[in-house]
C-alpha atoms as a PDB file:
ATOM      1  CA  MET A   1       0.000   0.000   0.000  1.00  0.00           C
ATOM      2  CA  ALA A   2       1.182   3.523  -0.849  1.00  0.00           C
ATOM      3  CA  TYR A   3       0.110   6.808   0.787  1.00  0.00           C
ATOM      4  CA  PHE A   4      -1.555   8.040  -2.414  1.00  0.00           C
ATOM      5  CA  ARG A   5      -2.841   6.686  -5.713  1.00  0.00           C
ATOM      6  CA  ARG A   6      -2.787   8.921  -8.772  1.00  0.00           C
ATOM      7  CA  THR A   7      -6.217   9.093 -10.425  1.00  0.00           C
ATOM      8  CA  GLY A   8      -5.468  11.714 -13.086  1.00  0.00           C
ATOM      9  CA  ALA A   9      -2.906  14.272 -14.220  1.00  0.00           C
ATOM     10  CA  SER A  10      -3.465  16.343 -11.068  1.00  0.00           C
ATOM     11  CA  THR A  11      -5.759  14.252  -8.849  1.00  0.00           C
ATOM     12  CA  PHE A  12      -4.911  11.778  -6.090  1.00  0.00           C
ATOM     13  CA  ASP A  13      -6.716   9.478  -3.676  1.00  0.00           C
ATOM     14  CA  PRO A  14      -5.324   8.961  -0.148  1.00  0.00           C
ATOM     15  CA  THR A  15      -5.180   5.472   1.340  1.00  0.00           C
ATOM     16  CA  SER A  16      -5.758   4.433   4.938  1.00  0.00           C
ATOM     17  CA  ALA A  17      -1.992   4.826   5.531  1.00  0.00           C
ATOM     18  CA  VAL A  18      -2.556   8.613   5.489  1.00  0.00           C
ATOM     19  CA  GLY A  19      -4.888   8.493   8.530  1.00  0.00           C
ATOM     20  CA  GLY A  20      -4.284  11.413  10.875  1.00  0.00           C
ATOM     21  CA  ALA A  21      -2.970  11.564  14.422  1.00  0.00           C
ATOM     22  CA  TRP A  22      -5.217  14.287  15.881  1.00  0.00           C
ATOM     23  CA  ASN A  23      -8.263  12.727  14.131  1.00  0.00           C
ATOM     24  CA  THR A  24      -7.987   9.339  12.403  1.00  0.00           C
ATOM     25  CA  ALA A  25     -10.846  10.234  10.009  1.00  0.00           C
ATOM     26  CA  GLU A  26      -8.733  13.079   8.643  1.00  0.00           C
ATOM     27  CA  GLN A  27      -5.491  13.066   6.674  1.00  0.00           C
ATOM     28  CA  HIS A  28      -2.123  13.446   8.349  1.00  0.00           C
ATOM     29  CA  VAL A  29      -0.524  16.409   6.613  1.00  0.00           C
ATOM     30  CA  ALA A  30       2.942  14.822   6.356  1.00  0.00           C
ATOM     31  CA  PRO A  31       2.266  12.752   3.197  1.00  0.00           C
ATOM     32  CA  THR A  32       0.642  15.775   1.548  1.00  0.00           C
ATOM     33  CA  PHE A  33       3.858  17.718   2.119  1.00  0.00           C
ATOM     34  CA  GLY A  34       5.726  14.926   0.347  1.00  0.00           C
ATOM     35  CA  LEU A  35       3.217  14.895  -2.507  1.00  0.00           C
ATOM     36  CA  LEU A  36       3.443  18.656  -3.068  1.00  0.00           C
ATOM     37  CA  THR A  37       7.245  18.461  -3.058  1.00  0.00           C
ATOM     38  CA  HIS A  38       7.089  15.668  -5.633  1.00  0.00           C
ATOM     39  CA  LEU A  39       4.869  17.819  -7.842  1.00  0.00           C
ATOM     40  CA  VAL A  40       7.328  20.715  -7.650  1.00  0.00           C
ATOM     41  CA  GLU A  41      10.170  18.394  -8.589  1.00  0.00           C
ATOM     42  CA  THR A  42       8.338  16.750 -11.489  1.00  0.00           C
ATOM     43  CA  ASP A  43       7.330  20.192 -12.780  1.00  0.00           C
ATOM     44  CA  ARG A  44      10.958  21.349 -12.582  1.00  0.00           C
ATOM     45  CA  VAL A  45      12.119  18.322 -14.586  1.00  0.00           C
ATOM     46  CA  ALA A  46       9.309  18.716 -17.127  1.00  0.00           C
ATOM     47  CA  ARG A  47      10.421  22.297 -17.723  1.00  0.00           C
ATOM     48  CA  GLY A  48      14.022  21.201 -18.248  1.00  0.00           C
ATOM     49  CA  ARG A  49      15.334  22.954 -15.118  1.00  0.00           C
ATOM     50  CA  ASP A  50      17.766  20.309 -13.893  1.00  0.00           C
ATOM     51  CA  ASP A  51      20.140  23.208 -13.202  1.00  0.00           C
ATOM     52  CA  LEU A  52      18.045  24.227 -10.183  1.00  0.00           C
ATOM     53  CA  ALA A  53      17.868  22.682  -6.707  1.00  0.00           C
ATOM     54  CA  VAL A  54      15.291  23.221  -3.954  1.00  0.00           C
ATOM     55  CA  THR A  55      16.697  25.339  -1.116  1.00  0.00           C
ATOM     56  CA  ARG A  56      13.508  26.088   0.845  1.00  0.00           C
ATOM     57  CA  LEU A  57      10.200  24.305   1.375  1.00  0.00           C
ATOM     58  CA  SER A  58       7.546  26.475   3.057  1.00  0.00           C
ATOM     59  CA  PHE A  59       4.200  24.791   3.739  1.00  0.00           C
ATOM     60  CA  ASP A  60       1.008  26.376   5.025  1.00  0.00           C
ATOM     61  CA  VAL A  61      -1.868  24.253   6.360  1.00  0.00           C
ATOM     62  CA  TRP A  62      -5.300  25.787   5.714  1.00  0.00           C
ATOM     63  CA  GLY A  63      -7.216  23.433   8.003  1.00  0.00           C
ATOM     64  CA  PRO A  64      -8.015  19.763   8.617  1.00  0.00           C
ATOM     65  CA  TYR A  65      -9.238  17.680   5.678  1.00  0.00           C
ATOM     66  CA  PRO A  66     -10.811  14.230   5.315  1.00  0.00           C
ATOM     67  CA  LEU A  67      -9.581  11.009   3.739  1.00  0.00           C
ATOM     68  CA  ALA A  68     -11.062  12.047   0.407  1.00  0.00           C
ATOM     69  CA  PRO A  69      -9.815  12.692  -3.158  1.00  0.00           C
ATOM     70  CA  MET A  70      -7.518  15.667  -3.685  1.00  0.00           C
ATOM     71  CA  GLU A  71      -6.894  18.008  -6.579  1.00  0.00           C
ATOM     72  CA  THR A  72      -3.518  19.697  -7.065  1.00  0.00           C
ATOM     73  CA  ALA A  73      -2.012  22.535  -9.088  1.00  0.00           C
ATOM     74  CA  VAL A  74       1.522  23.842  -9.684  1.00  0.00           C
ATOM     75  CA  GLN A  75       2.600  27.261 -10.952  1.00  0.00           C
ATOM     76  CA  VAL A  76       5.836  29.192 -11.268  1.00  0.00           C
ATOM     77  CA  LEU A  77       5.314  32.436  -9.343  1.00  0.00           C
ATOM     78  CA  ARG A  78       8.723  33.917 -10.039  1.00  0.00           C
ATOM     79  CA  PRO A  79      10.549  32.537 -13.095  1.00  0.00           C
ATOM     80  CA  GLY A  80      14.240  33.230 -13.467  1.00  0.00           C
ATOM     81  CA  ARG A  81      17.467  32.041 -14.978  1.00  0.00           C
ATOM     82  CA  GLY A  82      19.148  31.344 -11.633  1.00  0.00           C
ATOM     83  CA  VAL A  83      16.340  31.518  -9.038  1.00  0.00           C
ATOM     84  CA  GLU A  84      12.666  30.496  -9.164  1.00  0.00           C
ATOM     85  CA  LEU A  85       9.732  30.517  -6.753  1.00  0.00           C
ATOM     86  CA  VAL A  86       7.269  27.671  -7.407  1.00  0.00           C
ATOM     87  CA  GLU A  87       3.919  27.107  -5.707  1.00  0.00           C
ATOM     88  CA  ALA A  88       2.048  23.809  -5.373  1.00  0.00           C
ATOM     89  CA  GLU A  89      -1.421  23.562  -3.877  1.00  0.00           C
ATOM     90  CA  ALA A  90      -3.706  20.750  -2.739  1.00  0.00           C
ATOM     91  CA  SER A  91      -7.497  21.013  -2.480  1.00  0.00           C
ATOM     92  CA  CYS A  92      -9.992  18.588  -0.976  1.00  0.00           C
ATOM     93  CA  GLY A  93     -13.744  18.834  -1.499  1.00  0.00           C
ATOM     94  CA  GLY A  94     -13.267  22.099  -3.368  1.00  0.00           C
ATOM     95  CA  ARG A  95     -11.385  23.707  -0.460  1.00  0.00           C
ATOM     96  CA  ARG A  96      -7.683  24.566  -0.397  1.00  0.00           C
ATOM     97  CA  VAL A  97      -6.008  22.516   2.329  1.00  0.00           C
ATOM     98  CA  ALA A  98      -2.221  22.883   1.924  1.00  0.00           C
ATOM     99  CA  THR A  99       0.168  25.110  -0.007  1.00  0.00           C
ATOM    100  CA  LEU A 100       3.877  24.796  -0.712  1.00  0.00           C
ATOM    101  CA  ARG A 101       6.093  27.632  -1.856  1.00  0.00           C
ATOM    102  CA  ALA A 102       9.533  26.381  -2.843  1.00  0.00           C
ATOM    103  CA  TRP A 103      12.591  28.447  -3.702  1.00  0.00           C
ATOM    104  CA  LEU A 104      14.820  26.844  -6.320  1.00  0.00           C
ATOM    105  CA  ALA A 105      18.345  28.114  -6.952  1.00  0.00           C
ATOM    106  CA  GLY A 106      21.050  27.373  -9.479  1.00  0.00           C
ATOM    107  CA  VAL A 107      23.416  24.493  -8.749  1.00  0.00           C
ATOM    108  CA  GLY A 108      27.118  25.286  -8.443  1.00  0.00           C
ATOM    109  CA  ASP A 109      30.315  23.802  -7.010  1.00  0.00           C
ATOM    110  CA  THR A 110      30.986  25.434  -3.633  1.00  0.00           C
ATOM    111  CA  ALA A 111      32.685  22.453  -1.971  1.00  0.00           C
ATOM    112  CA  ALA A 112      35.796  24.534  -1.267  1.00  0.00           C
ATOM    113  CA  LEU A 113      33.657  27.031   0.685  1.00  0.00           C
ATOM    114  CA  ALA A 114      31.522  24.560   2.660  1.00  0.00           C
ATOM    115  CA  ALA A 115      31.600  25.398   6.396  1.00  0.00           C
ATOM    116  CA  GLY A 116      29.417  25.959   9.449  1.00  0.00           C
ATOM    117  CA  VAL A 117      27.599  22.612   9.291  1.00  0.00           C
ATOM    118  CA  PRO A 118      26.074  21.582  12.666  1.00  0.00           C
ATOM    119  CA  ALA A 119      27.664  18.567  14.311  1.00  0.00           C
ATOM    120  CA  ALA A 120      26.310  15.170  13.327  1.00  0.00           C
ATOM    121  CA  MET A 121      24.027  13.460  15.827  1.00  0.00           C
ATOM    122  CA  PRO A 122      24.236   9.779  16.843  1.00  0.00           C
ATOM    123  CA  GLY A 123      22.990   7.634  13.975  1.00  0.00           C
ATOM    124  CA  PRO A 124      19.938   5.389  13.845  1.00  0.00           C
ATOM    125  CA  ASP A 125      21.978   2.309  14.780  1.00  0.00           C
ATOM    126  CA  GLU A 126      23.034   4.111  17.975  1.00  0.00           C
ATOM    127  CA  THR A 127      19.509   5.266  18.892  1.00  0.00           C
ATOM    128  CA  PRO A 128      16.917   3.079  20.671  1.00  0.00           C
ATOM    129  CA  SER A 129      13.803   1.969  18.818  1.00  0.00           C
ATOM    130  CA  TRP A 130      10.566   3.623  19.931  1.00  0.00           C
ATOM    131  CA  ASP A 131       6.932   2.906  19.079  1.00  0.00           C
ATOM    132  CA  PRO A 132       5.222   6.234  18.192  1.00  0.00           C
ATOM    133  CA  THR A 133       1.763   4.647  18.510  1.00  0.00           C
ATOM    134  CA  THR A 134       2.221   4.867  22.287  1.00  0.00           C
ATOM    135  CA  ASP A 135       1.524   8.618  21.873  1.00  0.00           C
ATOM    136  CA  TRP A 136      -0.429   8.798  18.631  1.00  0.00           C
ATOM    137  CA  PRO A 137      -3.154   6.903  16.713  1.00  0.00           C
ATOM    138  CA  GLY A 138      -3.644   6.880  12.948  1.00  0.00           C
ATOM    139  CA  GLY A 139      -2.478   5.055   9.856  1.00  0.00           C
ATOM    140  CA  PHE A 140       0.410   7.396   9.092  1.00  0.00           C
ATOM    141  CA  VAL A 141       2.051   7.172  12.510  1.00  0.00           C
ATOM    142  CA  ALA A 142       1.665   3.384  12.417  1.00  0.00           C
ATOM    143  CA  SER A 143       3.462   3.325   9.049  1.00  0.00           C
ATOM    144  CA  ILE A 144       6.755   4.864  10.189  1.00  0.00           C
ATOM    145  CA  GLU A 145       9.768   3.360  11.934  1.00  0.00           C
ATOM    146  CA  VAL A 146      11.126   5.580  14.701  1.00  0.00           C
ATOM    147  CA  ARG A 147      14.227   5.606  16.875  1.00  0.00           C
ATOM    148  CA  ARG A 148      14.367   8.137  19.666  1.00  0.00           C
ATOM    149  CA  ALA A 149      16.629   9.455  22.414  1.00  0.00           C
ATOM    150  CA  LEU A 150      14.508  11.756  24.587  1.00  0.00           C
ATOM    151  CA  GLU A 151      16.491  14.053  26.898  1.00  0.00           C
ATOM    152  CA  GLU A 152      13.409  15.596  28.532  1.00  0.00           C
ATOM    153  CA  PRO A 153       9.846  16.438  27.446  1.00  0.00           C
ATOM    154  CA  GLY A 154      10.090  18.560  24.322  1.00  0.00           C
ATOM    155  CA  ARG A 155      13.765  17.894  23.710  1.00  0.00           C
ATOM    156  CA  GLY A 156      15.286  14.921  21.909  1.00  0.00           C
ATOM    157  CA  ARG A 157      16.837  13.337  18.845  1.00  0.00           C
ATOM    158  CA  VAL A 158      14.753  11.209  16.508  1.00  0.00           C
ATOM    159  CA  TRP A 159      15.325   9.115  13.412  1.00  0.00           C
ATOM    160  CA  ALA A 160      12.361   8.231  11.205  1.00  0.00           C
ATOM    161  CA  ARG A 161      11.826   6.340   7.962  1.00  0.00           C
ATOM    162  CA  THR A 162       9.064   4.475   6.167  1.00  0.00           C
ATOM    163  CA  ASP A 163       8.904   1.658   3.656  1.00  0.00           C
ATOM    164  CA  VAL A 164       5.492   2.845   2.412  1.00  0.00           C
ATOM    165  CA  PRO A 165       5.790   4.442  -1.058  1.00  0.00           C
ATOM    166  CA  LEU A 166       4.517   7.992  -1.384  1.00  0.00           C
ATOM    167  CA  LEU A 167       2.769   7.204  -4.680  1.00  0.00           C
ATOM    168  CA  ASP A 168       1.540   3.866  -5.961  1.00  0.00           C
ATOM    169  CA  GLY A 169       3.555   2.764  -9.010  1.00  0.00           C
ATOM    170  CA  GLU A 170       5.398   6.087  -9.441  1.00  0.00           C
ATOM    171  CA  GLU A 171       9.064   6.874  -8.832  1.00  0.00           C
ATOM    172  CA  VAL A 172       9.590   9.528  -6.196  1.00  0.00           C
ATOM    173  CA  GLY A 173      12.874  11.296  -5.422  1.00  0.00           C
ATOM    174  CA  THR A 174      14.690  11.423  -2.099  1.00  0.00           C
ATOM    175  CA  LEU A 175      13.707  15.037  -1.413  1.00  0.00           C
ATOM    176  CA  ALA A 176       9.977  14.303  -1.739  1.00  0.00           C
ATOM    177  CA  ARG A 177      10.261  11.151   0.395  1.00  0.00           C
ATOM    178  CA  THR A 178      12.098  13.195   3.025  1.00  0.00           C
ATOM    179  CA  ALA A 179       9.542  16.018   2.850  1.00  0.00           C
ATOM    180  CA  GLY A 180       6.851  13.414   3.510  1.00  0.00           C
ATOM    181  CA  LEU A 181       8.401  12.802   6.946  1.00  0.00           C
ATOM    182  CA  LEU A 182       9.269  16.367   8.015  1.00  0.00           C
ATOM    183  CA  ASP A 183       6.006  16.969   9.869  1.00  0.00           C
ATOM    184  CA  VAL A 184       6.779  14.238  12.412  1.00  0.00           C
ATOM    185  CA  ALA A 185       9.147  16.712  14.114  1.00  0.00           C
ATOM    186  CA  ASN A 186       6.187  18.101  16.066  1.00  0.00           C
ATOM    187  CA  GLY A 187       5.012  14.733  17.366  1.00  0.00           C
ATOM    188  CA  MET A 188       8.034  12.600  18.186  1.00  0.00           C
ATOM    189  CA  THR A 189       9.433  14.618  21.126  1.00  0.00           C
ATOM    190  CA  VAL A 190       6.224  15.874  22.704  1.00  0.00           C
ATOM    191  CA  ARG A 191       6.346  18.387  25.532  1.00  0.00           C
ATOM    192  CA  SER A 192       2.880  17.417  26.812  1.00  0.00           C
ATOM    193  CA  ASP A 193       0.589  14.422  26.428  1.00  0.00           C
ATOM    194  CA  PRO A 194      -1.443  15.077  23.233  1.00  0.00           C
ATOM    195  CA  ARG A 195      -4.472  13.591  24.981  1.00  0.00           C
ATOM    196  CA  ARG A 196      -4.335  16.516  27.416  1.00  0.00           C
ATOM    197  CA  VAL A 197      -2.801  19.330  25.345  1.00  0.00           C
ATOM    198  CA  ALA A 198      -3.396  20.108  21.656  1.00  0.00           C
ATOM    199  CA  PHE A 199      -0.480  21.644  19.729  1.00  0.00           C
ATOM    200  CA  PRO A 200      -1.169  21.329  15.976  1.00  0.00           C
ATOM    201  CA  ASN A 201       1.149  23.180  13.632  1.00  0.00           C
ATOM    202  CA  LEU A 202      -0.042  25.847  11.215  1.00  0.00           C
ATOM    203  CA  ASP A 203       2.948  25.621   8.930  1.00  0.00           C
ATOM    204  CA  LEU A 204       6.345  24.072   8.322  1.00  0.00           C
ATOM    205  CA  ALA A 205       9.407  25.731   6.798  1.00  0.00           C
ATOM    206  CA  ALA A 206      12.544  23.774   5.935  1.00  0.00           C
ATOM    207  CA  HIS A 207      15.690  25.539   4.770  1.00  0.00           C
ATOM    208  CA  LEU A 208      18.240  23.270   3.092  1.00  0.00           C
ATOM    209  CA  PHE A 209      21.941  23.826   2.469  1.00  0.00           C
ATOM    210  CA  ARG A 210      22.286  20.517   0.631  1.00  0.00           C
ATOM    211  CA  ALA A 211      20.033  17.777  -0.679  1.00  0.00           C
ATOM    212  CA  PRO A 212      19.118  14.961   1.740  1.00  0.00           C
ATOM    213  CA  ARG A 213      20.387  11.454   1.050  1.00  0.00           C
ATOM    214  CA  GLY A 214      19.188   7.990   2.016  1.00  0.00           C
ATOM    215  CA  ASP A 215      16.045   6.735   3.748  1.00  0.00           C
ATOM    216  CA  TRP A 216      16.534   8.003   7.304  1.00  0.00           C
ATOM    217  CA  LEU A 217      15.496  11.482   8.431  1.00  0.00           C
ATOM    218  CA  GLY A 218      17.144  12.697  11.619  1.00  0.00           C
ATOM    219  CA  LEU A 219      15.593  15.432  13.765  1.00  0.00           C
ATOM    220  CA  ASP A 220      17.474  17.160  16.572  1.00  0.00           C
ATOM    221  CA  THR A 221      14.345  18.756  17.991  1.00  0.00           C
ATOM    222  CA  THR A 222      13.237  21.310  20.576  1.00  0.00           C
ATOM    223  CA  VAL A 223       9.563  22.047  21.316  1.00  0.00           C
ATOM    224  CA  THR A 224       8.726  25.351  23.033  1.00  0.00           C
ATOM    225  CA  PHE A 225       5.354  26.417  24.454  1.00  0.00           C
ATOM    226  CA  GLY A 226       4.871  30.132  25.071  1.00  0.00           C
ATOM    227  CA  PRO A 227       2.613  31.761  27.707  1.00  0.00           C
ATOM    228  CA  ASP A 228      -0.084  33.033  25.322  1.00  0.00           C
ATOM    229  CA  GLY A 229      -1.228  30.013  23.313  1.00  0.00           C
ATOM    230  CA  ALA A 230       1.572  29.854  20.762  1.00  0.00           C
ATOM    231  CA  GLY A 231       4.460  27.433  20.408  1.00  0.00           C
ATOM    232  CA  LEU A 232       7.383  26.521  18.201  1.00  0.00           C
ATOM    233  CA  THR A 233       8.932  23.244  17.119  1.00  0.00           C
ATOM    234  CA  SER A 234      12.430  23.630  15.691  1.00  0.00           C
ATOM    235  CA  ALA A 235      14.887  21.020  14.506  1.00  0.00           C
ATOM    236  CA  VAL A 236      18.215  20.556  12.777  1.00  0.00           C
ATOM    237  CA  LEU A 237      17.675  18.142   9.888  1.00  0.00           C
ATOM    238  CA  HIS A 238      20.053  15.205   9.454  1.00  0.00           C
ATOM    239  CA  ASP A 239      20.634  12.183   7.291  1.00  0.00           C
ATOM    240  CA  THR A 240      23.190   9.488   8.016  1.00  0.00           C
ATOM    241  CA  GLU A 241      25.912  11.651   6.418  1.00  0.00           C
ATOM    242  CA  GLY A 242      25.267  14.658   8.676  1.00  0.00           C
ATOM    243  CA  ALA A 243      23.153  17.793   8.911  1.00  0.00           C
ATOM    244  CA  PHE A 244      21.514  19.211   5.785  1.00  0.00           C
ATOM    245  CA  GLY A 245      19.141  21.949   6.975  1.00  0.00           C
ATOM    246  CA  ARG A 246      16.821  23.364   9.617  1.00  0.00           C
ATOM    247  CA  LEU A 247      13.078  23.216  10.223  1.00  0.00           C
ATOM    248  CA  ALA A 248      10.523  25.325  12.122  1.00  0.00           C
ATOM    249  CA  GLN A 249       6.801  24.845  12.801  1.00  0.00           C
ATOM    250  CA  SER A 250       4.381  27.383  14.336  1.00  0.00           C
ATOM    251  CA  LEU A 251       2.093  25.769  16.922  1.00  0.00           C
ATOM    252  CA  VAL A 252      -1.338  26.596  18.344  1.00  0.00           C
ATOM    253  CA  VAL A 253      -1.294  25.359  21.968  1.00  0.00           C
ATOM    254  CA  ARG A 254      -4.548  24.548  23.784  1.00  0.00           C
ATOM    255  CA  ASP A 255      -5.149  22.901  27.176  1.00  0.00           C
ATOM    256  CA  LEU A 256      -7.792  20.172  26.720  1.00  0.00           C
ATOM    257  CA  SER A 257      -8.312  19.474  30.408  1.00  0.00           C
END
């Protein structure tokens, strides 16, 4: 089973593996982030822009949405020879549910200048296995393999991967597969029990200084709750070769007790 099945040039059906964590009748947004990234990449290739690489993925979530067919669209907002801004959008039931704006920049050899990379974190083989379904329900959470070293509530290091394809019968690149896991940052090192405190994220922005490699996504994560109903999840992004970017998510924090 894959997360999505393509039903047309721009339409997709979710499977039960996309079931949400806050509400199992809704979609978990993580696979949608992967799908939108895949659409940006396939559009880039179709336009013959192999000279560009994605340097930022900025997602906005417009609200919860059911396990129902989705329509998508891609457009180049800012064309350019060396830099482009591309937008991909998903709609469900005629309502916009998620948007991606991706900056793409020209590829060049800057290996001699590379510096300032955060230190690597202990790899997945050095990190204990952890069952995320102890905190969360839903088909998506059940579909991922997680290893976690929790220092304290809201602070820890996590590795995640999945053997579930993003799209049934369609090749998907490493960046899109990675993007389909980014949203787990907010749920794998929880500060409070999600049965007692709600902290859904409104967005997710990932800034990349190189392309991710391999199947594992590493997250060196800190979750912060502020005093006025807002929060922030931030993480350094890793693969098994080291750090490759940073992530931030804006949270809405609500006491359910």
